[in-house]
Amino acid sequence: MRAAPVDAYRALTSARELCVWLADRAETDARSMGRMRIVWPKADGVEPCEASGVFVDLERACKVAWLWDDRTRPSGVPPLVSVFIEERPRRMGSTLTLVHAGFSGAASKRALLDEFRARWEDFLAKLRLYLDAGKTCKNGRLTLSELQMLLKRGRA
């Protein structure tokens, strides 16, 4: 993405920013063991949902990691999510790597893993749409390939 690492970090940790591109409501205390709460809007027939947790590893413009609370985390979903932010050479933007590891490899749990892959792809596409084009798409699903087409056509 074209955004500077500090802008990506702010978009991931600021309640105000999260409410612009992702959430209906958000509360964040962006410090180690600071609480976070996000309420997602209804999107493409999926009911609104809420999750809360704590930030566990924050490194300005480099890393945002949090643990979801057991009370709001669906069964079988690992609690730790980490987003690594790397500056591209010659200050040409950022590369984000999202890690949400620990899902069961059992065939019976495959649907849950596929659901969260789609959720995180939507999350990253919406973040890039916001940071690169200044636009939002909170109430619909967005894939990275759809985003690429929008950006190429100049419609985003």
C-alpha atoms as a PDB file:
ATOM      1  CA  MET A   1       0.000   0.000   0.000  1.00  0.00           C
ATOM      2  CA  ARG A   2       1.048   3.573  -0.582  1.00  0.00           C
ATOM      3  CA  ALA A   3       0.443   4.733   3.003  1.00  0.00           C
ATOM      4  CA  ALA A   4       3.311   5.383   5.365  1.00  0.00           C
ATOM      5  CA  PRO A   5       3.770   2.887   8.212  1.00  0.00           C
ATOM      6  CA  VAL A   6       2.703   5.473  10.801  1.00  0.00           C
ATOM      7  CA  ASP A   7      -0.615   5.957   8.959  1.00  0.00           C
ATOM      8  CA  ALA A   8      -1.269   2.209   8.874  1.00  0.00           C
ATOM      9  CA  TYR A   9      -0.442   1.963  12.583  1.00  0.00           C
ATOM     10  CA  ARG A  10      -2.830   4.807  13.408  1.00  0.00           C
ATOM     11  CA  ALA A  11      -5.621   3.246  11.313  1.00  0.00           C
ATOM     12  CA  LEU A  12      -5.237   0.026  13.338  1.00  0.00           C
ATOM     13  CA  THR A  13      -5.039   1.563  16.813  1.00  0.00           C
ATOM     14  CA  SER A  14      -7.180   4.707  16.806  1.00  0.00           C
ATOM     15  CA  ALA A  15     -10.868   4.279  17.668  1.00  0.00           C
ATOM     16  CA  ARG A  16     -11.689   7.305  15.562  1.00  0.00           C
ATOM     17  CA  GLU A  17      -9.868   5.895  12.536  1.00  0.00           C
ATOM     18  CA  LEU A  18     -11.359   2.415  12.994  1.00  0.00           C
ATOM     19  CA  CYS A  19     -14.843   3.963  12.942  1.00  0.00           C
ATOM     20  CA  VAL A  20     -14.079   5.624   9.615  1.00  0.00           C
ATOM     21  CA  TRP A  21     -13.012   2.525   7.653  1.00  0.00           C
ATOM     22  CA  LEU A  22     -14.148  -0.571   9.556  1.00  0.00           C
ATOM     23  CA  ALA A  23     -16.390  -0.325  12.588  1.00  0.00           C
ATOM     24  CA  ASP A  24     -19.690   1.157  13.694  1.00  0.00           C
ATOM     25  CA  ARG A  25     -18.179   1.725  17.134  1.00  0.00           C
ATOM     26  CA  ALA A  26     -14.708   1.276  18.572  1.00  0.00           C
ATOM     27  CA  GLU A  27     -12.858   1.941  21.799  1.00  0.00           C
ATOM     28  CA  THR A  28      -9.088   1.687  22.016  1.00  0.00           C
ATOM     29  CA  ASP A  29      -6.445   2.331  24.624  1.00  0.00           C
ATOM     30  CA  ALA A  30      -3.370   1.914  22.428  1.00  0.00           C
ATOM     31  CA  ARG A  31      -0.788   0.889  24.991  1.00  0.00           C
ATOM     32  CA  SER A  32       0.455  -2.429  26.316  1.00  0.00           C
ATOM     33  CA  MET A  33      -2.451  -4.247  27.986  1.00  0.00           C
ATOM     34  CA  GLY A  34      -4.784  -1.440  26.908  1.00  0.00           C
ATOM     35  CA  ARG A  35      -8.347  -2.527  26.184  1.00  0.00           C
ATOM     36  CA  MET A  36      -9.958  -2.527  22.767  1.00  0.00           C
ATOM     37  CA  ARG A  37     -13.539  -3.069  21.631  1.00  0.00           C
ATOM     38  CA  ILE A  38     -14.863  -3.123  18.075  1.00  0.00           C
ATOM     39  CA  VAL A  39     -18.452  -3.353  16.841  1.00  0.00           C
ATOM     40  CA  TRP A  40     -18.666  -4.296  13.157  1.00  0.00           C
ATOM     41  CA  PRO A  41     -21.649  -3.222  11.043  1.00  0.00           C
ATOM     42  CA  LYS A  42     -24.072  -5.582   9.368  1.00  0.00           C
ATOM     43  CA  ALA A  43     -22.455  -6.551   6.067  1.00  0.00           C
ATOM     44  CA  ASP A  44     -23.859  -8.608   3.203  1.00  0.00           C
ATOM     45  CA  GLY A  45     -26.393 -10.406   5.366  1.00  0.00           C
ATOM     46  CA  VAL A  46     -23.966 -11.058   8.219  1.00  0.00           C
ATOM     47  CA  GLU A  47     -25.311  -9.671  11.466  1.00  0.00           C
ATOM     48  CA  PRO A  48     -23.329  -7.042  13.366  1.00  0.00           C
ATOM     49  CA  CYS A  49     -20.849  -8.487  15.814  1.00  0.00           C
ATOM     50  CA  GLU A  50     -18.691  -7.250  18.648  1.00  0.00           C
ATOM     51  CA  ALA A  51     -15.287  -8.305  19.902  1.00  0.00           C
ATOM     52  CA  SER A  52     -13.074  -7.056  22.677  1.00  0.00           C
ATOM     53  CA  GLY A  53      -9.556  -7.725  23.830  1.00  0.00           C
ATOM     54  CA  VAL A  54      -6.259  -6.192  24.845  1.00  0.00           C
ATOM     55  CA  PHE A  55      -3.286  -4.869  22.941  1.00  0.00           C
ATOM     56  CA  VAL A  56      -0.290  -7.020  23.834  1.00  0.00           C
ATOM     57  CA  ASP A  57       2.464  -5.790  21.546  1.00  0.00           C
ATOM     58  CA  LEU A  58       2.519  -2.306  20.088  1.00  0.00           C
ATOM     59  CA  GLU A  59       5.499  -0.898  18.276  1.00  0.00           C
ATOM     60  CA  ARG A  60       4.690   2.422  16.634  1.00  0.00           C
ATOM     61  CA  ALA A  61       4.648   2.121  12.844  1.00  0.00           C
ATOM     62  CA  CYS A  62       5.963  -1.477  13.063  1.00  0.00           C
ATOM     63  CA  LYS A  63       3.579  -3.847  14.845  1.00  0.00           C
ATOM     64  CA  VAL A  64       0.094  -4.094  16.323  1.00  0.00           C
ATOM     65  CA  ALA A  65      -0.840  -7.264  18.192  1.00  0.00           C
ATOM     66  CA  TRP A  66      -3.852  -8.052  20.330  1.00  0.00           C
ATOM     67  CA  LEU A  67      -5.517 -10.901  22.172  1.00  0.00           C
ATOM     68  CA  TRP A  68      -9.268 -11.351  21.740  1.00  0.00           C
ATOM     69  CA  ASP A  69     -11.263 -11.984  24.933  1.00  0.00           C
ATOM     70  CA  ASP A  70     -12.602 -15.491  25.391  1.00  0.00           C
ATOM     71  CA  ARG A  71     -16.088 -14.030  25.938  1.00  0.00           C
ATOM     72  CA  THR A  72     -16.338 -12.454  22.485  1.00  0.00           C
ATOM     73  CA  ARG A  73     -14.136 -14.840  20.499  1.00  0.00           C
ATOM     74  CA  PRO A  74     -15.930 -17.648  18.639  1.00  0.00           C
ATOM     75  CA  SER A  75     -15.096 -21.170  19.751  1.00  0.00           C
ATOM     76  CA  GLY A  76     -12.073 -22.585  17.943  1.00  0.00           C
ATOM     77  CA  VAL A  77     -10.673 -19.178  16.988  1.00  0.00           C
ATOM     78  CA  PRO A  78      -7.151 -18.534  18.309  1.00  0.00           C
ATOM     79  CA  PRO A  79      -6.871 -15.380  20.444  1.00  0.00           C
ATOM     80  CA  LEU A  80      -3.657 -13.773  19.131  1.00  0.00           C
ATOM     81  CA  VAL A  81      -3.641 -11.560  16.022  1.00  0.00           C
ATOM     82  CA  SER A  82      -0.507  -9.716  14.902  1.00  0.00           C
ATOM     83  CA  VAL A  83      -0.095  -7.186  12.115  1.00  0.00           C
ATOM     84  CA  PHE A  84       3.474  -6.438  11.075  1.00  0.00           C
ATOM     85  CA  ILE A  85       4.048  -3.154   9.249  1.00  0.00           C
ATOM     86  CA  GLU A  86       7.166  -2.764   7.110  1.00  0.00           C
ATOM     87  CA  GLU A  87       8.254   0.356   5.312  1.00  0.00           C
ATOM     88  CA  ARG A  88       8.915  -0.182   1.630  1.00  0.00           C
ATOM     89  CA  PRO A  89      12.270   0.934   0.196  1.00  0.00           C
ATOM     90  CA  ARG A  90      12.611   4.601  -0.726  1.00  0.00           C
ATOM     91  CA  ARG A  91       9.577   5.499   1.426  1.00  0.00           C
ATOM     92  CA  MET A  92       7.203   4.075  -1.170  1.00  0.00           C
ATOM     93  CA  GLY A  93       4.560   3.010   1.355  1.00  0.00           C
ATOM     94  CA  SER A  94       4.060  -0.023   3.541  1.00  0.00           C
ATOM     95  CA  THR A  95       3.697  -3.764   3.407  1.00  0.00           C
ATOM     96  CA  LEU A  96       1.418  -5.356   6.006  1.00  0.00           C
ATOM     97  CA  THR A  97       1.590  -8.970   7.116  1.00  0.00           C
ATOM     98  CA  LEU A  98      -1.306 -10.257   9.217  1.00  0.00           C
ATOM     99  CA  VAL A  99      -0.731 -13.393  11.302  1.00  0.00           C
ATOM    100  CA  HIS A 100      -3.607 -15.187  13.000  1.00  0.00           C
ATOM    101  CA  ALA A 101      -2.110 -18.616  13.632  1.00  0.00           C
ATOM    102  CA  GLY A 102      -3.225 -21.571  15.698  1.00  0.00           C
ATOM    103  CA  PHE A 103      -6.325 -22.735  13.860  1.00  0.00           C
ATOM    104  CA  SER A 104      -6.979 -26.451  13.960  1.00  0.00           C
ATOM    105  CA  GLY A 105      -5.836 -28.388  10.919  1.00  0.00           C
ATOM    106  CA  ALA A 106      -8.683 -30.881  11.293  1.00  0.00           C
ATOM    107  CA  ALA A 107     -10.903 -31.258   8.239  1.00  0.00           C
ATOM    108  CA  SER A 108     -13.940 -30.630  10.459  1.00  0.00           C
ATOM    109  CA  LYS A 109     -12.549 -27.156  11.312  1.00  0.00           C
ATOM    110  CA  ARG A 110     -11.748 -26.183   7.706  1.00  0.00           C
ATOM    111  CA  ALA A 111     -14.904 -24.043   7.355  1.00  0.00           C
ATOM    112  CA  LEU A 112     -13.870 -21.905  10.340  1.00  0.00           C
ATOM    113  CA  LEU A 113     -10.390 -21.332   8.891  1.00  0.00           C
ATOM    114  CA  ASP A 114     -11.870 -20.440   5.487  1.00  0.00           C
ATOM    115  CA  GLU A 115     -14.332 -18.026   7.123  1.00  0.00           C
ATOM    116  CA  PHE A 116     -11.537 -16.205   8.958  1.00  0.00           C
ATOM    117  CA  ARG A 117      -9.345 -16.090   5.841  1.00  0.00           C
ATOM    118  CA  ALA A 118     -12.213 -14.312   4.080  1.00  0.00           C
ATOM    119  CA  ARG A 119     -12.739 -11.980   7.070  1.00  0.00           C
ATOM    120  CA  TRP A 120      -9.074 -10.992   7.210  1.00  0.00           C
ATOM    121  CA  GLU A 121      -8.927 -10.494   3.433  1.00  0.00           C
ATOM    122  CA  ASP A 122     -11.945  -8.172   3.746  1.00  0.00           C
ATOM    123  CA  PHE A 123     -10.227  -6.366   6.648  1.00  0.00           C
ATOM    124  CA  LEU A 124      -6.989  -5.827   4.694  1.00  0.00           C
ATOM    125  CA  ALA A 125      -8.804  -4.768   1.511  1.00  0.00           C
ATOM    126  CA  LYS A 126     -10.873  -2.197   3.425  1.00  0.00           C
ATOM    127  CA  LEU A 127      -7.774  -0.892   5.185  1.00  0.00           C
ATOM    128  CA  ARG A 128      -5.945  -0.467   1.885  1.00  0.00           C
ATOM    129  CA  LEU A 129      -8.984   1.174   0.245  1.00  0.00           C
ATOM    130  CA  TYR A 130      -9.076   3.666   3.098  1.00  0.00           C
ATOM    131  CA  LEU A 131      -5.349   4.377   3.237  1.00  0.00           C
ATOM    132  CA  ASP A 132      -4.639   4.397  -0.504  1.00  0.00           C
ATOM    133  CA  ALA A 133      -7.821   5.950  -1.871  1.00  0.00           C
ATOM    134  CA  GLY A 134      -9.425   7.698   1.119  1.00  0.00           C
ATOM    135  CA  LYS A 135     -12.630   5.706   0.566  1.00  0.00           C
ATOM    136  CA  THR A 136     -14.571   3.249   2.689  1.00  0.00           C
ATOM    137  CA  CYS A 137     -16.740   0.183   2.216  1.00  0.00           C
ATOM    138  CA  LYS A 138     -17.843  -0.742   5.734  1.00  0.00           C
ATOM    139  CA  ASN A 139     -21.200  -2.368   4.910  1.00  0.00           C
ATOM    140  CA  GLY A 140     -20.085  -4.721   2.161  1.00  0.00           C
ATOM    141  CA  ARG A 141     -17.509  -7.414   1.634  1.00  0.00           C
ATOM    142  CA  LEU A 142     -14.391  -6.568  -0.325  1.00  0.00           C
ATOM    143  CA  THR A 143     -11.758  -8.960  -1.630  1.00  0.00           C
ATOM    144  CA  LEU A 144      -8.218  -7.965  -2.490  1.00  0.00           C
ATOM    145  CA  SER A 145      -8.788  -8.822  -6.166  1.00  0.00           C
ATOM    146  CA  GLU A 146     -11.908  -6.607  -6.256  1.00  0.00           C
ATOM    147  CA  LEU A 147      -9.890  -3.832  -4.650  1.00  0.00           C
ATOM    148  CA  GLN A 148      -7.131  -4.227  -7.263  1.00  0.00           C
ATOM    149  CA  MET A 149      -9.694  -3.849 -10.058  1.00  0.00           C
ATOM    150  CA  LEU A 150     -11.162  -0.730  -8.416  1.00  0.00           C
ATOM    151  CA  LEU A 151      -7.743   0.827  -7.968  1.00  0.00           C
ATOM    152  CA  LYS A 152      -6.712   0.021 -11.568  1.00  0.00           C
ATOM    153  CA  ARG A 153      -9.880   1.563 -12.981  1.00  0.00           C
ATOM    154  CA  GLY A 154      -9.409   4.609 -10.798  1.00  0.00           C
ATOM    155  CA  ARG A 155     -12.844   4.079  -9.268  1.00  0.00           C
ATOM    156  CA  ALA A 156     -11.543   3.769  -5.753  1.00  0.00           C
END
